[in-house]
Amino acid sequence: MRAVVQRVVSAEVTSRAVGESEARRVGHIGPGMCVFVGVTHSDNAKSAQKLAAKLFGLRIFNDADGVMNLGAQEVGGEFLVVSQFTLYGDTRRGRRPSWTAAAQPEHAEPLVDHVVDELRSLGVIVQTGRFRTEMVVDLVNDGPVTLVIDV
């Protein structure tokens, strides 16, 4: 699994599924982490658990001395988790990305849900996007702090 993590002041996601006339807000958070999650073919429940544990323990929030030394749970941070198959886009050849490394939705959706469930079981607030819809993510990056995590 691959995640792009951004420390945010706030973030929200709106979604519009095929057949819906208007987008609606489906997730929003205050200070915390906006996490874009991509799944590849070899990922499994263990990968999802490992990613959730990494996100939960990630110390990217400032302590009293201004040092990134605190995790989301220590600062009351929330999570917005949004699936994003394009994280496995391959742009090494040509100008059009290849998506062959991205898992099919039937494989990816339960694993993204598993990451969300694991985070919630650890006691943090988690909001999500909607799988298989067009989504627009609005966020205010704090820092800016952006990390790429591969598990």
C-alpha atoms as a PDB file:
ATOM      1  CA  MET A   1       0.000   0.000   0.000  1.00  0.00           C
ATOM      2  CA  ARG A   2       1.048   3.531  -0.643  1.00  0.00           C
ATOM      3  CA  ALA A   3      -0.141   6.653   1.137  1.00  0.00           C
ATOM      4  CA  VAL A   4       0.426  10.339   0.646  1.00  0.00           C
ATOM      5  CA  VAL A   5      -0.049  12.035   3.997  1.00  0.00           C
ATOM      6  CA  GLN A   6      -0.562  15.738   4.439  1.00  0.00           C
ATOM      7  CA  ARG A   7      -0.723  17.451   7.801  1.00  0.00           C
ATOM      8  CA  VAL A   8      -3.718  19.746   7.529  1.00  0.00           C
ATOM      9  CA  VAL A   9      -5.471  22.562   9.323  1.00  0.00           C
ATOM     10  CA  SER A  10      -8.687  21.266   7.737  1.00  0.00           C
ATOM     11  CA  ALA A  11      -9.815  19.065   4.857  1.00  0.00           C
ATOM     12  CA  GLU A  12     -13.030  18.007   3.216  1.00  0.00           C
ATOM     13  CA  VAL A  13     -14.098  15.767   0.381  1.00  0.00           C
ATOM     14  CA  THR A  14     -17.155  16.094  -1.818  1.00  0.00           C
ATOM     15  CA  SER A  15     -18.368  13.255  -3.993  1.00  0.00           C
ATOM     16  CA  ARG A  16     -20.585  12.717  -7.005  1.00  0.00           C
ATOM     17  CA  ALA A  17     -21.447   9.229  -8.184  1.00  0.00           C
ATOM     18  CA  VAL A  18     -22.563   8.362 -11.693  1.00  0.00           C
ATOM     19  CA  GLY A  19     -26.218   9.329 -12.024  1.00  0.00           C
ATOM     20  CA  GLU A  20     -26.113  11.912  -9.234  1.00  0.00           C
ATOM     21  CA  SER A  21     -26.736  15.487 -10.357  1.00  0.00           C
ATOM     22  CA  GLU A  22     -24.837  17.243  -7.580  1.00  0.00           C
ATOM     23  CA  ALA A  23     -21.813  16.567  -5.447  1.00  0.00           C
ATOM     24  CA  ARG A  24     -22.253  16.371  -1.690  1.00  0.00           C
ATOM     25  CA  ARG A  25     -19.817  16.690   1.171  1.00  0.00           C
ATOM     26  CA  VAL A  26     -19.106  13.214   2.498  1.00  0.00           C
ATOM     27  CA  GLY A  27     -16.204  13.833   4.868  1.00  0.00           C
ATOM     28  CA  HIS A  28     -14.571  16.741   6.675  1.00  0.00           C
ATOM     29  CA  ILE A  29     -12.028  17.172   9.438  1.00  0.00           C
ATOM     30  CA  GLY A  30     -10.354  19.878  11.438  1.00  0.00           C
ATOM     31  CA  PRO A  31      -6.645  19.670  12.270  1.00  0.00           C
ATOM     32  CA  GLY A  32      -5.117  16.297  11.480  1.00  0.00           C
ATOM     33  CA  MET A  33      -4.019  14.244   8.489  1.00  0.00           C
ATOM     34  CA  CYS A  34      -5.437  13.974   5.011  1.00  0.00           C
ATOM     35  CA  VAL A  35      -4.375  10.530   3.762  1.00  0.00           C
ATOM     36  CA  PHE A  36      -4.610   9.464   0.138  1.00  0.00           C
ATOM     37  CA  VAL A  37      -4.379   5.646  -0.058  1.00  0.00           C
ATOM     38  CA  GLY A  38      -3.453   3.544  -3.065  1.00  0.00           C
ATOM     39  CA  VAL A  39      -3.629  -0.250  -3.225  1.00  0.00           C
ATOM     40  CA  THR A  40      -1.637  -2.594  -5.448  1.00  0.00           C
ATOM     41  CA  HIS A  41      -2.255  -6.256  -6.329  1.00  0.00           C
ATOM     42  CA  SER A  42      -0.060  -7.795  -3.623  1.00  0.00           C
ATOM     43  CA  ASP A  43      -1.621  -5.840  -0.753  1.00  0.00           C
ATOM     44  CA  ASN A  44      -3.652  -7.673   1.872  1.00  0.00           C
ATOM     45  CA  ALA A  45      -5.159  -7.227   5.347  1.00  0.00           C
ATOM     46  CA  LYS A  46      -1.705  -7.284   6.909  1.00  0.00           C
ATOM     47  CA  SER A  47      -0.647  -4.390   4.647  1.00  0.00           C
ATOM     48  CA  ALA A  48      -3.727  -2.436   5.742  1.00  0.00           C
ATOM     49  CA  GLN A  49      -2.999  -3.063   9.433  1.00  0.00           C
ATOM     50  CA  LYS A  50       0.622  -2.019   8.969  1.00  0.00           C
ATOM     51  CA  LEU A  51      -0.378   1.199   7.208  1.00  0.00           C
ATOM     52  CA  ALA A  52      -2.936   2.069   9.897  1.00  0.00           C
ATOM     53  CA  ALA A  53      -0.364   1.489  12.652  1.00  0.00           C
ATOM     54  CA  LYS A  54       2.175   3.643  10.807  1.00  0.00           C
ATOM     55  CA  LEU A  55      -0.336   6.469  10.355  1.00  0.00           C
ATOM     56  CA  PHE A  56      -1.472   6.280  13.976  1.00  0.00           C
ATOM     57  CA  GLY A  57       2.091   6.440  15.276  1.00  0.00           C
ATOM     58  CA  LEU A  58       3.358   9.043  12.818  1.00  0.00           C
ATOM     59  CA  ARG A  59       4.848  11.928  14.778  1.00  0.00           C
ATOM     60  CA  ILE A  60       4.356  14.926  12.504  1.00  0.00           C
ATOM     61  CA  PHE A  61       2.703  17.403  14.874  1.00  0.00           C
ATOM     62  CA  ASN A  62       4.672  20.047  16.727  1.00  0.00           C
ATOM     63  CA  ASP A  63       5.331  19.849  20.441  1.00  0.00           C
ATOM     64  CA  ALA A  64       5.679  22.914  22.695  1.00  0.00           C
ATOM     65  CA  ASP A  65       9.189  23.502  21.296  1.00  0.00           C
ATOM     66  CA  GLY A  66       8.001  23.463  17.683  1.00  0.00           C
ATOM     67  CA  VAL A  67       9.534  20.048  16.984  1.00  0.00           C
ATOM     68  CA  MET A  68       7.558  17.407  15.067  1.00  0.00           C
ATOM     69  CA  ASN A  69       7.372  15.029  17.985  1.00  0.00           C
ATOM     70  CA  LEU A  70       3.668  14.297  18.530  1.00  0.00           C
ATOM     71  CA  GLY A  71       1.191  11.914  16.941  1.00  0.00           C
ATOM     72  CA  ALA A  72      -2.377  12.703  15.913  1.00  0.00           C
ATOM     73  CA  GLN A  73      -3.832  11.121  19.042  1.00  0.00           C
ATOM     74  CA  GLU A  74      -1.700  13.393  21.248  1.00  0.00           C
ATOM     75  CA  VAL A  75      -3.017  16.563  19.625  1.00  0.00           C
ATOM     76  CA  GLY A  76      -6.606  15.457  19.014  1.00  0.00           C
ATOM     77  CA  GLY A  77      -5.956  15.200  15.286  1.00  0.00           C
ATOM     78  CA  GLU A  78      -8.492  13.670  12.937  1.00  0.00           C
ATOM     79  CA  PHE A  79      -8.001  11.652   9.739  1.00  0.00           C
ATOM     80  CA  LEU A  80      -9.560  12.076   6.323  1.00  0.00           C
ATOM     81  CA  VAL A  81      -8.855   8.915   4.295  1.00  0.00           C
ATOM     82  CA  VAL A  82      -9.445   9.061   0.547  1.00  0.00           C
ATOM     83  CA  SER A  83      -8.801   6.184  -1.837  1.00  0.00           C
ATOM     84  CA  GLN A  84      -6.616   7.155  -4.783  1.00  0.00           C
ATOM     85  CA  PHE A  85      -5.656   4.514  -7.337  1.00  0.00           C
ATOM     86  CA  THR A  86      -3.555   7.083  -9.217  1.00  0.00           C
ATOM     87  CA  LEU A  87      -0.827   6.725  -6.579  1.00  0.00           C
ATOM     88  CA  TYR A  88       0.184   3.613  -8.517  1.00  0.00           C
ATOM     89  CA  GLY A  89       0.288   5.401 -11.871  1.00  0.00           C
ATOM     90  CA  ASP A  90       3.464   4.596 -13.811  1.00  0.00           C
ATOM     91  CA  THR A  91       4.809   7.525 -15.826  1.00  0.00           C
ATOM     92  CA  ARG A  92       8.204   6.106 -16.784  1.00  0.00           C
ATOM     93  CA  ARG A  93       7.207   5.657 -20.429  1.00  0.00           C
ATOM     94  CA  GLY A  94       5.359   8.095 -22.600  1.00  0.00           C
ATOM     95  CA  ARG A  95       3.014  10.829 -21.508  1.00  0.00           C
ATOM     96  CA  ARG A  96       0.026   8.736 -20.502  1.00  0.00           C
ATOM     97  CA  PRO A  97       0.213   6.984 -17.111  1.00  0.00           C
ATOM     98  CA  SER A  98      -0.231   3.235 -16.914  1.00  0.00           C
ATOM     99  CA  TRP A  99      -2.537   1.995 -14.167  1.00  0.00           C
ATOM    100  CA  THR A 100      -1.552  -1.690 -14.284  1.00  0.00           C
ATOM    101  CA  ALA A 101       0.021  -1.598 -10.804  1.00  0.00           C
ATOM    102  CA  ALA A 102      -3.191  -0.273  -9.230  1.00  0.00           C
ATOM    103  CA  ALA A 103      -5.481  -2.917  -7.772  1.00  0.00           C
ATOM    104  CA  GLN A 104      -8.991  -3.348  -9.141  1.00  0.00           C
ATOM    105  CA  PRO A 105     -11.744  -1.753  -7.029  1.00  0.00           C
ATOM    106  CA  GLU A 106     -12.986  -5.148  -5.828  1.00  0.00           C
ATOM    107  CA  HIS A 107      -9.573  -5.785  -4.245  1.00  0.00           C
ATOM    108  CA  ALA A 108      -8.799  -2.218  -3.166  1.00  0.00           C
ATOM    109  CA  GLU A 109     -12.030  -1.096  -1.512  1.00  0.00           C
ATOM    110  CA  PRO A 110     -12.061  -3.651   1.334  1.00  0.00           C
ATOM    111  CA  LEU A 111      -8.409  -2.882   2.099  1.00  0.00           C
ATOM    112  CA  VAL A 112      -8.967   0.870   2.282  1.00  0.00           C
ATOM    113  CA  ASP A 113     -11.964   0.143   4.517  1.00  0.00           C
ATOM    114  CA  HIS A 114      -9.702  -2.034   6.663  1.00  0.00           C
ATOM    115  CA  VAL A 115      -7.246   0.860   7.135  1.00  0.00           C
ATOM    116  CA  VAL A 116     -10.167   3.055   8.221  1.00  0.00           C
ATOM    117  CA  ASP A 117     -11.526   0.394  10.593  1.00  0.00           C
ATOM    118  CA  GLU A 118      -8.084  -0.125  12.152  1.00  0.00           C
ATOM    119  CA  LEU A 119      -7.641   3.616  12.740  1.00  0.00           C
ATOM    120  CA  ARG A 120     -11.100   3.880  14.295  1.00  0.00           C
ATOM    121  CA  SER A 121     -10.354   0.929  16.568  1.00  0.00           C
ATOM    122  CA  LEU A 122      -7.360   2.892  17.852  1.00  0.00           C
ATOM    123  CA  GLY A 123      -9.730   5.644  18.969  1.00  0.00           C
ATOM    124  CA  VAL A 124      -9.211   8.398  16.398  1.00  0.00           C
ATOM    125  CA  ILE A 125     -11.880  10.206  14.398  1.00  0.00           C
ATOM    126  CA  VAL A 126     -11.808   9.128  10.754  1.00  0.00           C
ATOM    127  CA  GLN A 127     -13.803  10.554   7.867  1.00  0.00           C
ATOM    128  CA  THR A 128     -13.663   9.131   4.338  1.00  0.00           C
ATOM    129  CA  GLY A 129     -14.383   9.743   0.725  1.00  0.00           C
ATOM    130  CA  ARG A 130     -16.668   7.475  -1.322  1.00  0.00           C
ATOM    131  CA  PHE A 131     -15.162   4.697  -3.387  1.00  0.00           C
ATOM    132  CA  ARG A 132     -15.862   4.654  -7.157  1.00  0.00           C
ATOM    133  CA  THR A 133     -17.064   8.245  -7.334  1.00  0.00           C
ATOM    134  CA  GLU A 134     -15.654  11.499  -8.588  1.00  0.00           C
ATOM    135  CA  MET A 135     -14.250  13.294  -5.582  1.00  0.00           C
ATOM    136  CA  VAL A 136     -12.983  16.783  -4.947  1.00  0.00           C
ATOM    137  CA  VAL A 137     -10.679  17.213  -1.971  1.00  0.00           C
ATOM    138  CA  ASP A 138     -10.233  20.647  -0.421  1.00  0.00           C
ATOM    139  CA  LEU A 139      -7.458  20.937   2.126  1.00  0.00           C
ATOM    140  CA  VAL A 140      -5.322  23.468   3.914  1.00  0.00           C
ATOM    141  CA  ASN A 141      -1.852  21.964   4.221  1.00  0.00           C
ATOM    142  CA  ASP A 142      -0.167  22.811   7.517  1.00  0.00           C
ATOM    143  CA  GLY A 143       3.547  23.420   7.282  1.00  0.00           C
ATOM    144  CA  PRO A 144       3.439  22.316   4.515  1.00  0.00           C
ATOM    145  CA  VAL A 145       4.085  18.754   5.653  1.00  0.00           C
ATOM    146  CA  THR A 146       3.658  16.022   3.030  1.00  0.00           C
ATOM    147  CA  LEU A 147       5.002  12.468   3.261  1.00  0.00           C
ATOM    148  CA  VAL A 148       4.891   9.398   1.045  1.00  0.00           C
ATOM    149  CA  ILE A 149       4.571   6.076   2.896  1.00  0.00           C
ATOM    150  CA  ASP A 150       5.004   2.648   1.317  1.00  0.00           C
ATOM    151  CA  VAL A 151       4.230  -0.469   3.360  1.00  0.00           C
END
